[in-house]
């Protein structure tokens, strides 16, 4: 397993958050334009709604992953796999950590979108 420096991990996380925000801003701009919200105030309201939506999506992803991991049917189906119990447990932990990571990533991206919408509303 390759060990990465903390600086590289932070830069990669910041890049992902910036990319998510860029995509979120473009999608919200397109939805606002097509919906007839063509003023800057309407766009800032759309940014706030989109930020909340991104945070909700991240939260639902994390809660869904933990719900599936606790599901007895899912555990029973997994027991038929070739992997040992420890390998399956490691895989479950990895999937839970990935979903929590996605939740944090989308939460921060949503907060940035909400803050941008608030700043646009306040100062412009």
N, C-alpha and C. Protein backbone atom coordinates (compact mmCIF):
# COMPACT_ATOMS: atom_id res chain seq x y z
N UNK A 1 0.83 -1.16 0.00
CA UNK A 1 0.00 0.00 0.00
C UNK A 1 0.89 1.24 0.00
N UNK A 2 0.57 2.18 -0.84
CA UNK A 2 1.38 3.38 -0.98
C UNK A 2 0.97 4.42 0.07
N UNK A 3 1.95 4.98 0.74
CA UNK A 3 1.69 6.00 1.74
C UNK A 3 1.79 7.37 1.08
N UNK A 4 0.78 8.20 1.32
CA UNK A 4 0.76 9.54 0.73
C UNK A 4 0.98 10.57 1.83
N UNK A 5 1.61 11.68 1.46
CA UNK A 5 1.84 12.74 2.44
C UNK A 5 0.53 13.46 2.73
N UNK A 6 0.45 14.06 3.89
CA UNK A 6 -0.78 14.76 4.27
C UNK A 6 -1.02 15.98 3.38
N UNK A 7 0.04 16.63 2.95
CA UNK A 7 -0.12 17.78 2.05
C UNK A 7 -0.74 17.39 0.72
N UNK A 8 -0.31 16.24 0.19
CA UNK A 8 -0.88 15.77 -1.07
C UNK A 8 -2.35 15.41 -0.91
N UNK A 9 -2.70 14.80 0.21
CA UNK A 9 -4.10 14.43 0.46
C UNK A 9 -4.96 15.68 0.59
N UNK A 10 -4.47 16.69 1.29
CA UNK A 10 -5.23 17.93 1.44
C UNK A 10 -5.40 18.63 0.10
N UNK A 11 -4.35 18.67 -0.71
CA UNK A 11 -4.46 19.29 -2.03
C UNK A 11 -5.44 18.54 -2.92
N UNK A 12 -5.43 17.22 -2.85
CA UNK A 12 -6.37 16.43 -3.64
C UNK A 12 -7.80 16.68 -3.18
N UNK A 13 -8.02 16.78 -1.87
CA UNK A 13 -9.35 17.07 -1.34
C UNK A 13 -9.82 18.44 -1.77
N UNK A 14 -8.94 19.44 -1.69
CA UNK A 14 -9.31 20.79 -2.13
C UNK A 14 -9.63 20.83 -3.62
N UNK A 15 -8.87 20.09 -4.41
CA UNK A 15 -9.16 20.02 -5.85
C UNK A 15 -10.51 19.39 -6.12
N UNK A 16 -10.85 18.34 -5.38
CA UNK A 16 -12.16 17.71 -5.56
C UNK A 16 -13.29 18.64 -5.15
N UNK A 17 -13.08 19.36 -4.05
CA UNK A 17 -14.12 20.29 -3.59
C UNK A 17 -14.30 21.42 -4.60
N UNK A 18 -13.21 21.95 -5.13
CA UNK A 18 -13.31 23.01 -6.14
C UNK A 18 -13.98 22.51 -7.41
N UNK A 19 -13.65 21.29 -7.83
CA UNK A 19 -14.30 20.72 -9.00
C UNK A 19 -15.79 20.51 -8.76
N UNK A 20 -16.14 20.02 -7.57
CA UNK A 20 -17.55 19.83 -7.24
C UNK A 20 -18.29 21.16 -7.23
N UNK A 21 -17.66 22.20 -6.69
CA UNK A 21 -18.30 23.51 -6.68
C UNK A 21 -18.44 24.08 -8.07
N UNK A 22 -17.44 23.89 -8.90
CA UNK A 22 -17.53 24.38 -10.27
C UNK A 22 -18.69 23.70 -11.00
N UNK A 23 -18.78 22.40 -10.86
CA UNK A 23 -19.88 21.66 -11.50
C UNK A 23 -21.22 22.10 -10.91
N UNK A 24 -21.27 22.27 -9.58
CA UNK A 24 -22.50 22.70 -8.92
C UNK A 24 -22.92 24.08 -9.39
N UNK A 25 -21.98 25.01 -9.49
CA UNK A 25 -22.30 26.37 -9.95
C UNK A 25 -22.81 26.37 -11.39
N UNK A 26 -22.21 25.55 -12.24
CA UNK A 26 -22.64 25.48 -13.64
C UNK A 26 -24.04 24.88 -13.75
N UNK A 27 -24.28 23.79 -13.03
CA UNK A 27 -25.60 23.15 -13.08
C UNK A 27 -26.67 24.08 -12.52
N UNK A 28 -26.37 24.74 -11.41
CA UNK A 28 -27.34 25.67 -10.84
C UNK A 28 -27.59 26.84 -11.78
N UNK A 29 -26.53 27.33 -12.42
CA UNK A 29 -26.69 28.41 -13.38
C UNK A 29 -27.58 27.99 -14.55
N UNK A 30 -27.38 26.78 -15.05
CA UNK A 30 -28.21 26.29 -16.16
C UNK A 30 -29.66 26.12 -15.73
N UNK A 31 -29.88 25.59 -14.54
CA UNK A 31 -31.25 25.40 -14.05
C UNK A 31 -31.92 26.75 -13.83
N UNK A 32 -31.20 27.69 -13.26
CA UNK A 32 -31.77 29.03 -13.05
C UNK A 32 -32.09 29.70 -14.39
N UNK A 33 -31.20 29.56 -15.35
CA UNK A 33 -31.43 30.17 -16.65
C UNK A 33 -32.64 29.57 -17.34
N UNK A 34 -32.74 28.25 -17.32
CA UNK A 34 -33.87 27.59 -17.96
C UNK A 34 -35.17 27.82 -17.19
N UNK A 35 -35.07 28.02 -15.88
CA UNK A 35 -36.27 28.25 -15.07
C UNK A 35 -36.72 29.70 -15.05
N UNK A 36 -36.00 30.58 -15.71
CA UNK A 36 -36.40 31.98 -15.77
C UNK A 36 -35.84 32.83 -14.64
N UNK A 37 -34.96 32.28 -13.83
CA UNK A 37 -34.32 33.04 -12.75
C UNK A 37 -33.06 33.67 -13.32
N UNK A 38 -33.19 34.85 -13.88
CA UNK A 38 -32.06 35.41 -14.61
C UNK A 38 -31.37 36.57 -13.91
N UNK A 39 -31.81 36.92 -12.71
CA UNK A 39 -31.12 37.98 -11.98
C UNK A 39 -30.08 37.36 -11.04
N UNK A 40 -29.17 38.20 -10.58
CA UNK A 40 -28.12 37.73 -9.68
C UNK A 40 -28.69 37.29 -8.34
N UNK A 41 -29.75 37.96 -7.89
CA UNK A 41 -30.39 37.58 -6.64
C UNK A 41 -31.03 36.19 -6.77
N UNK A 42 -31.65 35.93 -7.90
CA UNK A 42 -32.24 34.61 -8.12
C UNK A 42 -31.16 33.53 -8.18
N UNK A 43 -30.03 33.85 -8.81
CA UNK A 43 -28.94 32.88 -8.88
C UNK A 43 -28.38 32.59 -7.50
N UNK A 44 -28.29 33.62 -6.66
CA UNK A 44 -27.78 33.40 -5.30
C UNK A 44 -28.75 32.53 -4.51
N UNK A 45 -30.05 32.70 -4.71
CA UNK A 45 -31.03 31.83 -4.06
C UNK A 45 -30.88 30.40 -4.57
N UNK A 46 -30.64 30.26 -5.86
CA UNK A 46 -30.39 28.94 -6.43
C UNK A 46 -29.14 28.30 -5.86
N UNK A 47 -28.11 29.10 -5.63
CA UNK A 47 -26.89 28.57 -5.01
C UNK A 47 -27.17 28.06 -3.60
N UNK A 48 -27.99 28.77 -2.87
CA UNK A 48 -28.32 28.32 -1.52
C UNK A 48 -29.10 27.00 -1.55
N UNK A 49 -30.08 26.93 -2.44
CA UNK A 49 -30.86 25.68 -2.58
C UNK A 49 -29.97 24.53 -3.07
N UNK A 50 -29.11 24.82 -4.03
CA UNK A 50 -28.21 23.79 -4.55
C UNK A 50 -27.22 23.31 -3.50
N UNK A 51 -26.73 24.23 -2.67
CA UNK A 51 -25.82 23.86 -1.59
C UNK A 51 -26.51 22.96 -0.58
N UNK A 52 -27.75 23.30 -0.25
CA UNK A 52 -28.50 22.44 0.67
C UNK A 52 -28.75 21.07 0.05
N UNK A 53 -29.02 21.05 -1.25
CA UNK A 53 -29.23 19.78 -1.94
C UNK A 53 -27.98 18.92 -1.95
N UNK A 54 -26.83 19.55 -2.15
CA UNK A 54 -25.57 18.80 -2.13
C UNK A 54 -25.30 18.23 -0.75
N UNK A 55 -25.59 19.00 0.29
CA UNK A 55 -25.38 18.50 1.65
C UNK A 55 -26.33 17.34 1.96
N UNK A 56 -27.56 17.45 1.53
CA UNK A 56 -28.53 16.37 1.75
C UNK A 56 -28.11 15.12 0.99
N UNK A 57 -27.65 15.29 -0.24
CA UNK A 57 -27.19 14.14 -1.03
C UNK A 57 -26.02 13.44 -0.33
N UNK A 58 -25.08 14.20 0.18
CA UNK A 58 -23.96 13.60 0.89
C UNK A 58 -24.40 12.87 2.14
N UNK A 59 -25.33 13.46 2.90
CA UNK A 59 -25.83 12.82 4.10
C UNK A 59 -26.59 11.54 3.81
N UNK A 60 -27.42 11.57 2.78
CA UNK A 60 -28.17 10.36 2.42
C UNK A 60 -27.25 9.25 1.95
N UNK A 61 -26.17 9.60 1.29
CA UNK A 61 -25.20 8.60 0.85
C UNK A 61 -24.56 7.90 2.04
N UNK A 62 -24.17 8.67 3.05
CA UNK A 62 -23.53 8.08 4.23
C UNK A 62 -24.53 7.24 5.02
N UNK A 63 -25.74 7.74 5.20
CA UNK A 63 -26.73 6.97 5.96
C UNK A 63 -27.15 5.72 5.21
N UNK A 64 -27.20 5.80 3.90
CA UNK A 64 -27.54 4.61 3.11
C UNK A 64 -26.48 3.54 3.19
N UNK A 65 -25.23 3.93 3.20
CA UNK A 65 -24.14 2.95 3.27
C UNK A 65 -24.14 2.23 4.61
N UNK A 66 -24.37 2.97 5.70
CA UNK A 66 -24.41 2.31 7.00
C UNK A 66 -25.65 1.45 7.14
N UNK A 67 -26.75 1.85 6.50
CA UNK A 67 -27.96 1.03 6.54
C UNK A 67 -27.78 -0.28 5.81
N UNK A 68 -27.11 -0.24 4.66
CA UNK A 68 -26.85 -1.46 3.91
C UNK A 68 -25.89 -2.36 4.67
N UNK A 69 -24.91 -1.77 5.33
CA UNK A 69 -23.93 -2.57 6.06
C UNK A 69 -24.57 -3.31 7.23
N UNK A 70 -25.63 -2.75 7.80
CA UNK A 70 -26.31 -3.40 8.92
C UNK A 70 -27.40 -4.36 8.49
N UNK A 71 -27.75 -4.36 7.23
CA UNK A 71 -28.84 -5.19 6.74
C UNK A 71 -28.47 -6.67 6.83
N UNK A 72 -29.26 -7.48 7.53
CA UNK A 72 -28.91 -8.90 7.67
C UNK A 72 -28.95 -9.65 6.34
N UNK A 73 -29.84 -9.25 5.44
CA UNK A 73 -29.90 -9.91 4.13
C UNK A 73 -28.61 -9.68 3.36
N UNK A 74 -28.11 -8.46 3.41
CA UNK A 74 -26.85 -8.14 2.75
C UNK A 74 -25.71 -8.95 3.34
N UNK A 75 -25.68 -9.08 4.65
CA UNK A 75 -24.65 -9.89 5.32
C UNK A 75 -24.75 -11.35 4.90
N UNK A 76 -25.98 -11.85 4.81
CA UNK A 76 -26.16 -13.25 4.43
C UNK A 76 -25.69 -13.49 2.99
N UNK A 77 -26.02 -12.57 2.10
CA UNK A 77 -25.60 -12.70 0.70
C UNK A 77 -24.08 -12.64 0.62
N UNK A 78 -23.47 -11.78 1.43
CA UNK A 78 -22.01 -11.67 1.42
C UNK A 78 -21.33 -12.94 1.92
N UNK A 79 -21.99 -13.69 2.80
CA UNK A 79 -21.35 -14.88 3.35
C UNK A 79 -21.15 -15.97 2.30
N UNK A 80 -21.81 -15.82 1.16
CA UNK A 80 -21.67 -16.78 0.08
C UNK A 80 -20.47 -16.47 -0.82
N UNK A 81 -19.78 -15.37 -0.54
CA UNK A 81 -18.63 -14.97 -1.36
C UNK A 81 -17.39 -15.80 -1.02
N UNK A 82 -16.41 -15.70 -1.85
CA UNK A 82 -15.17 -16.45 -1.69
C UNK A 82 -14.32 -15.89 -0.55
N UNK A 83 -14.44 -14.60 -0.27
CA UNK A 83 -13.60 -13.95 0.72
C UNK A 83 -13.88 -14.45 2.13
N UNK A 84 -12.89 -14.32 2.97
CA UNK A 84 -13.06 -14.70 4.37
C UNK A 84 -13.85 -13.61 5.11
N UNK A 85 -14.22 -13.90 6.34
CA UNK A 85 -14.97 -12.93 7.14
C UNK A 85 -14.15 -11.66 7.36
N UNK A 86 -12.86 -11.79 7.61
CA UNK A 86 -12.05 -10.59 7.83
C UNK A 86 -11.95 -9.75 6.55
N UNK A 87 -11.85 -10.38 5.39
CA UNK A 87 -11.81 -9.63 4.13
C UNK A 87 -13.12 -8.90 3.87
N UNK A 88 -14.23 -9.57 4.17
CA UNK A 88 -15.55 -8.93 3.99
C UNK A 88 -15.72 -7.77 4.96
N UNK A 89 -15.24 -7.93 6.18
CA UNK A 89 -15.34 -6.86 7.17
C UNK A 89 -14.49 -5.67 6.74
N UNK A 90 -13.28 -5.93 6.24
CA UNK A 90 -12.43 -4.84 5.74
C UNK A 90 -13.10 -4.12 4.58
N UNK A 91 -13.76 -4.88 3.69
CA UNK A 91 -14.45 -4.27 2.56
C UNK A 91 -15.60 -3.40 3.05
N UNK A 92 -16.35 -3.87 4.06
CA UNK A 92 -17.44 -3.07 4.61
C UNK A 92 -16.92 -1.78 5.22
N UNK A 93 -15.83 -1.87 5.98
CA UNK A 93 -15.25 -0.67 6.56
C UNK A 93 -14.78 0.30 5.48
N UNK A 94 -14.17 -0.23 4.43
CA UNK A 94 -13.70 0.62 3.34
C UNK A 94 -14.87 1.34 2.67
N UNK A 95 -15.96 0.61 2.44
CA UNK A 95 -17.12 1.23 1.82
C UNK A 95 -17.75 2.28 2.72
N UNK A 96 -17.80 2.01 4.02
CA UNK A 96 -18.34 3.01 4.96
C UNK A 96 -17.46 4.25 5.00
N UNK A 97 -16.14 4.06 5.00
CA UNK A 97 -15.24 5.21 5.01
C UNK A 97 -15.35 6.03 3.73
N UNK A 98 -15.53 5.36 2.59
CA UNK A 98 -15.70 6.08 1.33
C UNK A 98 -16.99 6.90 1.34
N UNK A 99 -18.06 6.34 1.88
CA UNK A 99 -19.31 7.09 1.91
C UNK A 99 -19.24 8.26 2.89
N UNK A 100 -18.55 8.07 4.01
CA UNK A 100 -18.37 9.19 4.94
C UNK A 100 -17.48 10.26 4.31
N UNK A 101 -16.47 9.84 3.56
CA UNK A 101 -15.62 10.79 2.86
C UNK A 101 -16.43 11.58 1.84
N UNK A 102 -17.31 10.90 1.11
CA UNK A 102 -18.16 11.60 0.14
C UNK A 102 -19.10 12.57 0.85
N UNK A 103 -19.60 12.17 2.02
CA UNK A 103 -20.49 13.05 2.78
C UNK A 103 -19.75 14.33 3.18
N UNK A 104 -18.53 14.20 3.67
CA UNK A 104 -17.75 15.37 4.06
C UNK A 104 -17.44 16.25 2.85
N UNK A 105 -17.07 15.60 1.76
CA UNK A 105 -16.74 16.30 0.53
C UNK A 105 -17.95 17.10 0.02
N UNK A 106 -19.11 16.48 -0.05
CA UNK A 106 -20.31 17.17 -0.52
C UNK A 106 -20.79 18.20 0.50
N UNK A 107 -20.59 17.93 1.79
CA UNK A 107 -20.98 18.89 2.81
C UNK A 107 -20.19 20.18 2.69
N UNK A 108 -18.89 20.06 2.50
CA UNK A 108 -18.06 21.25 2.36
C UNK A 108 -18.39 21.99 1.06
N UNK A 109 -18.60 21.24 -0.02
CA UNK A 109 -18.98 21.87 -1.29
C UNK A 109 -20.33 22.59 -1.15
N UNK A 110 -21.26 21.98 -0.44
CA UNK A 110 -22.56 22.62 -0.21
C UNK A 110 -22.44 23.87 0.63
N UNK A 111 -21.59 23.81 1.66
CA UNK A 111 -21.39 25.00 2.49
C UNK A 111 -20.78 26.14 1.70
N UNK A 112 -19.84 25.82 0.82
CA UNK A 112 -19.24 26.87 -0.01
C UNK A 112 -20.28 27.48 -0.94
N UNK A 113 -21.15 26.64 -1.52
CA UNK A 113 -22.20 27.17 -2.40
C UNK A 113 -23.17 28.04 -1.62
N UNK A 114 -23.54 27.62 -0.41
CA UNK A 114 -24.44 28.42 0.41
C UNK A 114 -23.78 29.74 0.78
N UNK A 115 -22.50 29.70 1.15
CA UNK A 115 -21.79 30.92 1.51
C UNK A 115 -21.68 31.86 0.31
N UNK A 116 -21.42 31.30 -0.88
CA UNK A 116 -21.35 32.14 -2.08
C UNK A 116 -22.69 32.78 -2.37
N UNK A 117 -23.77 32.02 -2.22
CA UNK A 117 -25.10 32.59 -2.42
C UNK A 117 -25.42 33.67 -1.42
N UNK A 118 -25.04 33.44 -0.17
CA UNK A 118 -25.28 34.45 0.87
C UNK A 118 -24.48 35.71 0.60
N UNK A 119 -23.20 35.55 0.21
CA UNK A 119 -22.37 36.72 -0.08
C UNK A 119 -22.90 37.50 -1.28
N UNK A 120 -23.39 36.78 -2.29
CA UNK A 120 -23.97 37.48 -3.46
C UNK A 120 -25.21 38.26 -3.05
N UNK A 121 -26.04 37.66 -2.21
CA UNK A 121 -27.25 38.34 -1.76
C UNK A 121 -26.92 39.55 -0.89
N UNK A 122 -25.94 39.42 -0.04
CA UNK A 122 -25.62 40.47 0.92
C UNK A 122 -24.92 41.66 0.26
N UNK A 123 -23.94 41.39 -0.56
CA UNK A 123 -23.10 42.48 -1.05
C UNK A 123 -23.44 43.00 -2.44
N UNK A 124 -24.32 42.32 -3.16
CA UNK A 124 -24.66 42.82 -4.49
C UNK A 124 -26.11 43.16 -4.63
